[in-house]
PDB file of N, CA and C in Angstrom:
ATOM      1  N   MET A   1       0.846  -1.250   0.045  1.00  0.00           N
ATOM      2  CA  MET A   1       0.075   0.001  -0.018  1.00  0.00           C
ATOM      3  C   MET A   1       0.991   1.335  -0.003  1.00  0.00           C
ATOM      4  N   PRO A   2       0.642   2.314  -0.954  1.00  0.00           N
ATOM      5  CA  PRO A   2       1.456   3.496  -1.063  1.00  0.00           C
ATOM      6  C   PRO A   2       1.209   4.250   0.396  1.00  0.00           C
ATOM      7  N   ALA A   3       2.273   4.983   0.666  1.00  0.00           N
ATOM      8  CA  ALA A   3       2.345   5.902   1.776  1.00  0.00           C
ATOM      9  C   ALA A   3       1.386   7.113   1.449  1.00  0.00           C
ATOM     10  N   LEU A   4       0.847   7.646   2.403  1.00  0.00           N
ATOM     11  CA  LEU A   4      -0.072   8.895   2.263  1.00  0.00           C
ATOM     12  C   LEU A   4       0.741  10.048   2.603  1.00  0.00           C
ATOM     13  N   TYR A   5       0.776  11.001   1.835  1.00  0.00           N
ATOM     14  CA  TYR A   5       1.424  12.447   2.133  1.00  0.00           C
ATOM     15  C   TYR A   5       0.414  13.443   1.830  1.00  0.00           C
ATOM     16  N   PHE A   6       0.017  14.334   2.749  1.00  0.00           N
ATOM     17  CA  PHE A   6      -0.837  15.392   2.530  1.00  0.00           C
ATOM     18  C   PHE A   6      -2.364  14.784   2.032  1.00  0.00           C
ATOM     19  N   GLY A   7      -2.632  13.678   2.536  1.00  0.00           N
ATOM     20  CA  GLY A   7      -3.969  13.131   2.123  1.00  0.00           C
ATOM     21  C   GLY A   7      -3.994  12.587   0.675  1.00  0.00           C
ATOM     22  N   ILE A   8      -2.879  12.537  -0.082  1.00  0.00           N
ATOM     23  CA  ILE A   8      -2.818  12.199  -1.499  1.00  0.00           C
ATOM     24  C   ILE A   8      -2.124  10.839  -1.509  1.00  0.00           C
ATOM     25  N   ASP A   9      -2.663   9.946  -2.263  1.00  0.00           N
ATOM     26  CA  ASP A   9      -2.080   8.666  -2.347  1.00  0.00           C
ATOM     27  C   ASP A   9      -0.933   8.601  -3.348  1.00  0.00           C
ATOM     28  N   MET A  10       0.195   8.619  -2.926  1.00  0.00           N
ATOM     29  CA  MET A  10       1.411   8.687  -3.764  1.00  0.00           C
ATOM     30  C   MET A  10       2.331   7.481  -3.708  1.00  0.00           C
ATOM     31  N   PRO A  11       2.632   6.859  -4.723  1.00  0.00           N
ATOM     32  CA  PRO A  11       3.487   5.730  -4.631  1.00  0.00           C
ATOM     33  C   PRO A  11       5.036   6.181  -4.181  1.00  0.00           C
ATOM     34  N   VAL A  12       5.544   5.344  -3.199  1.00  0.00           N
ATOM     35  CA  VAL A  12       6.983   5.599  -2.860  1.00  0.00           C
ATOM     36  C   VAL A  12       7.747   4.741  -3.706  1.00  0.00           C
ATOM     37  N   LEU A  13       8.606   5.322  -4.498  1.00  0.00           N
ATOM     38  CA  LEU A  13       9.278   4.420  -5.544  1.00  0.00           C
ATOM     39  C   LEU A  13      10.735   4.080  -5.136  1.00  0.00           C
ATOM     40  N   ASP A  14      11.273   4.663  -4.047  1.00  0.00           N
ATOM     41  CA  ASP A  14      12.601   4.253  -3.591  1.00  0.00           C
ATOM     42  C   ASP A  14      12.743   3.778  -2.136  1.00  0.00           C
ATOM     43  N   THR A  15      11.569   3.180  -1.652  1.00  0.00           N
ATOM     44  CA  THR A  15      11.438   2.651  -0.315  1.00  0.00           C
ATOM     45  C   THR A  15      10.533   1.506  -0.316  1.00  0.00           C
ATOM     46  N   THR A  16      10.963   0.438   0.371  1.00  0.00           N
ATOM     47  CA  THR A  16      10.092  -0.678   0.484  1.00  0.00           C
ATOM     48  C   THR A  16       8.837  -0.503   1.274  1.00  0.00           C
ATOM     49  N   PRO A  17       7.675  -1.125   1.002  1.00  0.00           N
ATOM     50  CA  PRO A  17       6.467  -0.857   1.757  1.00  0.00           C
ATOM     51  C   PRO A  17       6.722  -0.991   3.051  1.00  0.00           C
ATOM     52  N   ASP A  18       7.450  -1.843   3.604  1.00  0.00           N
ATOM     53  CA  ASP A  18       7.563  -2.036   5.119  1.00  0.00           C
ATOM     54  C   ASP A  18       8.384  -0.683   5.682  1.00  0.00           C
ATOM     55  N   ALA A  19       9.403  -0.310   4.979  1.00  0.00           N
ATOM     56  CA  ALA A  19      10.187   0.924   5.431  1.00  0.00           C
ATOM     57  C   ALA A  19       9.259   2.101   5.365  1.00  0.00           C
ATOM     58  N   ALA A  20       8.372   2.165   4.257  1.00  0.00           N
ATOM     59  CA  ALA A  20       7.478   3.317   4.218  1.00  0.00           C
ATOM     60  C   ALA A  20       6.529   3.305   5.202  1.00  0.00           C
ATOM     61  N   ALA A  21       5.986   2.232   5.629  1.00  0.00           N
ATOM     62  CA  ALA A  21       5.002   2.087   6.699  1.00  0.00           C
ATOM     63  C   ALA A  21       5.621   2.545   8.160  1.00  0.00           C
ATOM     64  N   VAL A  22       6.896   2.169   8.352  1.00  0.00           N
ATOM     65  CA  VAL A  22       7.577   2.546   9.481  1.00  0.00           C
ATOM     66  C   VAL A  22       7.855   3.994   9.517  1.00  0.00           C
ATOM     67  N   GLN A  23       8.233   4.677   8.442  1.00  0.00           N
ATOM     68  CA  GLN A  23       8.367   6.179   8.397  1.00  0.00           C
ATOM     69  C   GLN A  23       6.992   6.743   8.541  1.00  0.00           C
ATOM     70  N   GLN A  24       5.907   6.372   8.006  1.00  0.00           N
ATOM     71  CA  GLN A  24       4.755   6.875   8.095  1.00  0.00           C
ATOM     72  C   GLN A  24       4.164   6.865   9.509  1.00  0.00           C
ATOM     73  N   GLU A  25       4.330   5.751  10.227  1.00  0.00           N
ATOM     74  CA  GLU A  25       3.956   5.812  11.603  1.00  0.00           C
ATOM     75  C   GLU A  25       4.824   6.610  12.577  1.00  0.00           C
ATOM     76  N   ALA A  26       6.201   6.774  12.094  1.00  0.00           N
ATOM     77  CA  ALA A  26       7.155   7.830  12.846  1.00  0.00           C
ATOM     78  C   ALA A  26       6.421   9.266  12.810  1.00  0.00           C
ATOM     79  N   TYR A  27       6.170   9.624  11.595  1.00  0.00           N
ATOM     80  CA  TYR A  27       5.556  11.040  11.245  1.00  0.00           C
ATOM     81  C   TYR A  27       4.299  11.008  12.051  1.00  0.00           C
ATOM     82  N   ARG A  28       3.474  10.042  12.089  1.00  0.00           N
ATOM     83  CA  ARG A  28       2.232  10.155  12.668  1.00  0.00           C
ATOM     84  C   ARG A  28       2.318  10.420  14.259  1.00  0.00           C
ATOM     85  N   ARG A  29       3.267   9.700  14.787  1.00  0.00           N
ATOM     86  CA  ARG A  29       3.541   9.886  16.237  1.00  0.00           C
ATOM     87  C   ARG A  29       4.187  11.252  16.507  1.00  0.00           C
ATOM     88  N   LEU A  30       4.845  11.880  15.600  1.00  0.00           N
ATOM     89  CA  LEU A  30       5.444  13.213  15.916  1.00  0.00           C
ATOM     90  C   LEU A  30       4.361  14.266  16.143  1.00  0.00           C
ATOM     91  N   GLY A  31       3.197  13.916  15.386  1.00  0.00           N
ATOM     92  CA  GLY A  31       2.129  14.976  15.524  1.00  0.00           C
ATOM     93  C   GLY A  31       2.344  16.091  14.589  1.00  0.00           C
ATOM     94  N   GLY A  32       1.474  16.937  14.571  1.00  0.00           N
ATOM     95  CA  GLY A  32       1.442  18.161  13.771  1.00  0.00           C
ATOM     96  C   GLY A  32       2.538  19.053  14.000  1.00  0.00           C
ATOM     97  N   THR A  33       2.760  19.266  15.209  1.00  0.00           N
ATOM     98  CA  THR A  33       3.835  20.300  15.639  1.00  0.00           C
ATOM     99  C   THR A  33       5.186  19.667  15.253  1.00  0.00           C
ATOM    100  N   GLY A  34       5.535  18.406  15.494  1.00  0.00           N
ATOM    101  CA  GLY A  34       6.772  17.748  15.136  1.00  0.00           C
ATOM    102  C   GLY A  34       7.007  17.799  13.600  1.00  0.00           C
ATOM    103  N   ARG A  35       5.920  17.463  12.998  1.00  0.00           N
ATOM    104  CA  ARG A  35       6.124  17.464  11.295  1.00  0.00           C
ATOM    105  C   ARG A  35       6.352  19.009  11.038  1.00  0.00           C
ATOM    106  N   LEU A  36       5.745  19.949  11.517  1.00  0.00           N
ATOM    107  CA  LEU A  36       5.825  21.293  11.139  1.00  0.00           C
ATOM    108  C   LEU A  36       7.262  21.673  11.464  1.00  0.00           C
ATOM    109  N   LYS A  37       7.778  21.358  12.560  1.00  0.00           N
ATOM    110  CA  LYS A  37       9.259  21.551  12.893  1.00  0.00           C
ATOM    111  C   LYS A  37      10.217  21.119  11.867  1.00  0.00           C
ATOM    112  N   ILE A  38       9.957  19.820  11.395  1.00  0.00           N
ATOM    113  CA  ILE A  38      10.799  19.174  10.449  1.00  0.00           C
ATOM    114  C   ILE A  38      10.566  19.981   9.145  1.00  0.00           C
ATOM    115  N   ALA A  39       9.449  20.446   8.694  1.00  0.00           N
ATOM    116  CA  ALA A  39       9.216  21.333   7.564  1.00  0.00           C
ATOM    117  C   ALA A  39       9.998  22.621   7.638  1.00  0.00           C
ATOM    118  N   PHE A  40       9.878  23.334   8.738  1.00  0.00           N
ATOM    119  CA  PHE A  40      10.598  24.519   8.976  1.00  0.00           C
ATOM    120  C   PHE A  40      12.265  24.193   8.905  1.00  0.00           C
ATOM    121  N   ASP A  41      12.697  23.121   9.586  1.00  0.00           N
ATOM    122  CA  ASP A  41      14.257  22.804   9.557  1.00  0.00           C
ATOM    123  C   ASP A  41      14.694  22.623   8.145  1.00  0.00           C
ATOM    124  N   LEU A  42      13.857  21.877   7.462  1.00  0.00           N
ATOM    125  CA  LEU A  42      14.236  21.462   5.917  1.00  0.00           C
ATOM    126  C   LEU A  42      14.197  22.871   5.161  1.00  0.00           C
ATOM    127  N   SER A  43      13.259  23.658   5.425  1.00  0.00           N
ATOM    128  CA  SER A  43      13.198  24.927   4.770  1.00  0.00           C
ATOM    129  C   SER A  43      14.466  25.774   4.985  1.00  0.00           C
ATOM    130  N   ASN A  44      14.860  25.788   6.221  1.00  0.00           N
ATOM    131  CA  ASN A  44      16.044  26.549   6.721  1.00  0.00           C
ATOM    132  C   ASN A  44      17.341  25.953   6.023  1.00  0.00           C
ATOM    133  N   LEU A  45      17.424  24.619   5.927  1.00  0.00           N
ATOM    134  CA  LEU A  45      18.471  23.848   5.366  1.00  0.00           C
ATOM    135  C   LEU A  45      18.673  24.294   3.826  1.00  0.00           C
ATOM    136  N   VAL A  46      17.556  24.264   3.075  1.00  0.00           N
ATOM    137  CA  VAL A  46      17.525  24.549   1.706  1.00  0.00           C
ATOM    138  C   VAL A  46      18.099  25.982   1.603  1.00  0.00           C
ATOM    139  N   ARG A  47      17.449  26.854   2.333  1.00  0.00           N
ATOM    140  CA  ARG A  47      17.933  28.428   2.233  1.00  0.00           C
ATOM    141  C   ARG A  47      19.376  28.470   2.421  1.00  0.00           C
ATOM    142  N   ALA A  48      19.847  27.720   3.459  1.00  0.00           N
ATOM    143  CA  ALA A  48      21.320  27.907   3.878  1.00  0.00           C
ATOM    144  C   ALA A  48      22.167  27.201   2.653  1.00  0.00           C
ATOM    145  N   LEU A  49      21.752  26.229   2.053  1.00  0.00           N
ATOM    146  CA  LEU A  49      22.481  25.511   0.988  1.00  0.00           C
ATOM    147  C   LEU A  49      22.426  26.549  -0.322  1.00  0.00           C
ATOM    148  N   SER A  50      21.326  27.201  -0.510  1.00  0.00           N
ATOM    149  CA  SER A  50      21.172  28.087  -1.623  1.00  0.00           C
ATOM    150  C   SER A  50      22.187  29.198  -1.474  1.00  0.00           C
ATOM    151  N   GLU A  51      22.109  29.808  -0.209  1.00  0.00           N
ATOM    152  CA  GLU A  51      22.890  30.908   0.103  1.00  0.00           C
ATOM    153  C   GLU A  51      24.499  30.546  -0.072  1.00  0.00           C
ATOM    154  N   ALA A  52      24.788  29.342   0.353  1.00  0.00           N
ATOM    155  CA  ALA A  52      26.111  29.010   0.309  1.00  0.00           C
ATOM    156  C   ALA A  52      26.556  28.840  -1.146  1.00  0.00           C
ATOM    157  N   GLY A  53      25.638  28.236  -2.154  1.00  0.00           N
ATOM    158  CA  GLY A  53      25.976  28.264  -3.421  1.00  0.00           C
ATOM    159  C   GLY A  53      26.104  29.477  -4.102  1.00  0.00           C
ATOM    160  N   ILE A  54      25.369  30.610  -3.665  1.00  0.00           N
ATOM    161  CA  ILE A  54      25.453  31.863  -4.210  1.00  0.00           C
ATOM    162  C   ILE A  54      26.872  32.456  -3.688  1.00  0.00           C
ATOM    163  N   ARG A  55      27.155  32.281  -2.392  1.00  0.00           N
ATOM    164  CA  ARG A  55      28.467  32.690  -1.851  1.00  0.00           C
ATOM    165  C   ARG A  55      29.688  32.134  -2.644  1.00  0.00           C
ATOM    166  N   LYS A  56      29.531  30.977  -3.018  1.00  0.00           N
ATOM    167  CA  LYS A  56      30.526  30.091  -3.724  1.00  0.00           C
ATOM    168  C   LYS A  56      30.806  30.662  -5.085  1.00  0.00           C
ATOM    169  N   ARG A  57      29.591  30.939  -5.865  1.00  0.00           N
ATOM    170  CA  ARG A  57      29.672  31.331  -7.250  1.00  0.00           C
ATOM    171  C   ARG A  57      30.149  32.883  -7.117  1.00  0.00           C
ATOM    172  N   ASN A  58      29.871  33.634  -6.068  1.00  0.00           N
ATOM    173  CA  ASN A  58      30.160  35.015  -5.922  1.00  0.00           C
ATOM    174  C   ASN A  58      30.905  35.295  -4.755  1.00  0.00           C
ATOM    175  N   PRO A  59      32.226  35.023  -4.625  1.00  0.00           N
ATOM    176  CA  PRO A  59      32.942  35.153  -3.425  1.00  0.00           C
ATOM    177  C   PRO A  59      33.211  36.551  -2.934  1.00  0.00           C
ATOM    178  N   GLY A  60      33.050  37.508  -3.933  1.00  0.00           N
ATOM    179  CA  GLY A  60      33.171  38.948  -3.537  1.00  0.00           C
ATOM    180  C   GLY A  60      31.864  39.560  -2.858  1.00  0.00           C
ATOM    181  N   TYR A  61      30.715  38.776  -2.845  1.00  0.00           N
ATOM    182  CA  TYR A  61      29.508  39.324  -2.398  1.00  0.00           C
ATOM    183  C   TYR A  61      29.614  39.673  -0.678  1.00  0.00           C
ATOM    184  N   THR A  62      29.143  40.739  -0.523  1.00  0.00           N
ATOM    185  CA  THR A  62      28.889  41.038   1.021  1.00  0.00           C
ATOM    186  C   THR A  62      27.679  40.141   1.594  1.00  0.00           C
ATOM    187  N   ALA A  63      27.481  40.092   2.736  1.00  0.00           N
ATOM    188  CA  ALA A  63      26.255  39.349   3.443  1.00  0.00           C
ATOM    189  C   ALA A  63      25.069  39.860   2.907  1.00  0.00           C
ATOM    190  N   GLU A  64      24.844  41.194   2.766  1.00  0.00           N
ATOM    191  CA  GLU A  64      23.720  41.983   2.172  1.00  0.00           C
ATOM    192  C   GLU A  64      23.498  41.534   0.745  1.00  0.00           C
ATOM    193  N   GLN A  65      24.601  41.559  -0.095  1.00  0.00           N
ATOM    194  CA  GLN A  65      24.387  41.105  -1.508  1.00  0.00           C
ATOM    195  C   GLN A  65      23.950  39.636  -1.685  1.00  0.00           C
ATOM    196  N   ALA A  66      24.474  38.638  -0.788  1.00  0.00           N
ATOM    197  CA  ALA A  66      24.164  37.346  -0.799  1.00  0.00           C
ATOM    198  C   ALA A  66      22.686  37.249  -0.414  1.00  0.00           C
ATOM    199  N   ILE A  67      22.242  37.818   0.512  1.00  0.00           N
ATOM    200  CA  ILE A  67      20.773  37.774   0.990  1.00  0.00           C
ATOM    201  C   ILE A  67      19.912  38.217  -0.080  1.00  0.00           C
ATOM    202  N   ASP A  68      20.331  39.416  -0.761  1.00  0.00           N
ATOM    203  CA  ASP A  68      19.524  40.016  -1.912  1.00  0.00           C
ATOM    204  C   ASP A  68      19.500  39.016  -3.055  1.00  0.00           C
ATOM    205  N   ALA A  69      20.585  38.362  -3.379  1.00  0.00           N
ATOM    206  CA  ALA A  69      20.567  37.344  -4.447  1.00  0.00           C
ATOM    207  C   ALA A  69      19.686  36.126  -4.078  1.00  0.00           C
ATOM    208  N   LEU A  70      19.853  35.723  -2.964  1.00  0.00           N
ATOM    209  CA  LEU A  70      18.839  34.632  -2.415  1.00  0.00           C
ATOM    210  C   LEU A  70      17.316  35.072  -2.593  1.00  0.00           C
ATOM    211  N   SER A  71      17.090  36.278  -2.178  1.00  0.00           N
ATOM    212  CA  SER A  71      15.704  36.884  -2.136  1.00  0.00           C
ATOM    213  C   SER A  71      15.191  36.891  -3.707  1.00  0.00           C
ATOM    214  N   ARG A  72      16.133  37.379  -4.425  1.00  0.00           N
ATOM    215  CA  ARG A  72      15.702  37.423  -5.858  1.00  0.00           C
ATOM    216  C   ARG A  72      15.521  35.905  -6.637  1.00  0.00           C
ATOM    217  N   GLN A  73      16.193  34.900  -6.089  1.00  0.00           N
ATOM    218  CA  GLN A  73      16.135  33.624  -6.422  1.00  0.00           C
ATOM    219  C   GLN A  73      14.890  32.981  -5.940  1.00  0.00           C
ATOM    220  N   ILE A  74      14.442  33.325  -4.762  1.00  0.00           N
ATOM    221  CA  ILE A  74      13.247  32.715  -4.166  1.00  0.00           C
ATOM    222  C   ILE A  74      11.878  33.505  -4.690  1.00  0.00           C
ATOM    223  N   TYR A  75      12.148  34.821  -4.784  1.00  0.00           N
ATOM    224  CA  TYR A  75      10.903  35.691  -5.212  1.00  0.00           C
ATOM    225  C   TYR A  75      11.293  36.520  -6.497  1.00  0.00           C
ATOM    226  N   PRO A  76      11.426  35.901  -7.554  1.00  0.00           N
ATOM    227  CA  PRO A  76      11.727  36.570  -8.888  1.00  0.00           C
ATOM    228  C   PRO A  76      10.610  37.650  -9.120  1.00  0.00           C
ATOM    229  N   VAL A  77      11.117  38.720  -9.769  1.00  0.00           N
ATOM    230  CA  VAL A  77      10.224  39.748 -10.154  1.00  0.00           C
ATOM    231  C   VAL A  77       9.785  39.310 -11.774  1.00  0.00           C
ATOM    232  N   HIS A  78       8.505  39.214 -11.860  1.00  0.00           N
ATOM    233  CA  HIS A  78       8.029  38.843 -13.217  1.00  0.00           C
ATOM    234  C   HIS A  78       7.762  40.085 -13.974  1.00  0.00           C
ATOM    235  N   ALA A  79       7.640  39.883 -15.290  1.00  0.00           N
ATOM    236  CA  ALA A  79       7.358  40.999 -16.267  1.00  0.00           C
ATOM    237  C   ALA A  79       6.067  41.727 -15.913  1.00  0.00           C
ATOM    238  N   GLY A  80       6.001  42.991 -15.647  1.00  0.00           N
ATOM    239  CA  GLY A  80       4.998  43.742 -15.353  1.00  0.00           C
ATOM    240  C   GLY A  80       4.778  44.104 -13.937  1.00  0.00           C
ATOM    241  N   GLN A  81       5.650  43.344 -13.132  1.00  0.00           N
ATOM    242  CA  GLN A  81       5.660  43.611 -11.680  1.00  0.00           C
ATOM    243  C   GLN A  81       6.651  44.796 -11.387  1.00  0.00           C
ATOM    244  N   SER A  82       6.341  45.479 -10.271  1.00  0.00           N
ATOM    245  CA  SER A  82       7.253  46.533  -9.804  1.00  0.00           C
ATOM    246  C   SER A  82       8.243  45.835  -8.722  1.00  0.00           C
ATOM    247  N   GLU A  83       9.402  46.321  -8.688  1.00  0.00           N
ATOM    248  CA  GLU A  83      10.352  45.648  -7.778  1.00  0.00           C
ATOM    249  C   GLU A  83      10.228  46.358  -6.498  1.00  0.00           C
ATOM    250  N   ASP A  84       9.399  47.317  -6.159  1.00  0.00           N
ATOM    251  CA  ASP A  84       9.337  48.022  -5.024  1.00  0.00           C
ATOM    252  C   ASP A  84       8.980  47.022  -3.851  1.00  0.00           C
TER     253      ASP A  84
END
């Protein structure tokens, strides 16, 4: 039986059904607060990795420039939008 994520039946292609069931039970035991903490931690990790990549590609950037570049990467300005 496929694991359930966000109430959607999605097949887990890289995990055995037994391992997926153990993981699903572990997430269930964490409760909403625990799962939310994991989501925030993962979001912070992705931002840190993105910022590290920006700094590696642009070693002369100041901290402010690196954050500005990260912000532009996350929240791009589309045609017709103001940058204000």
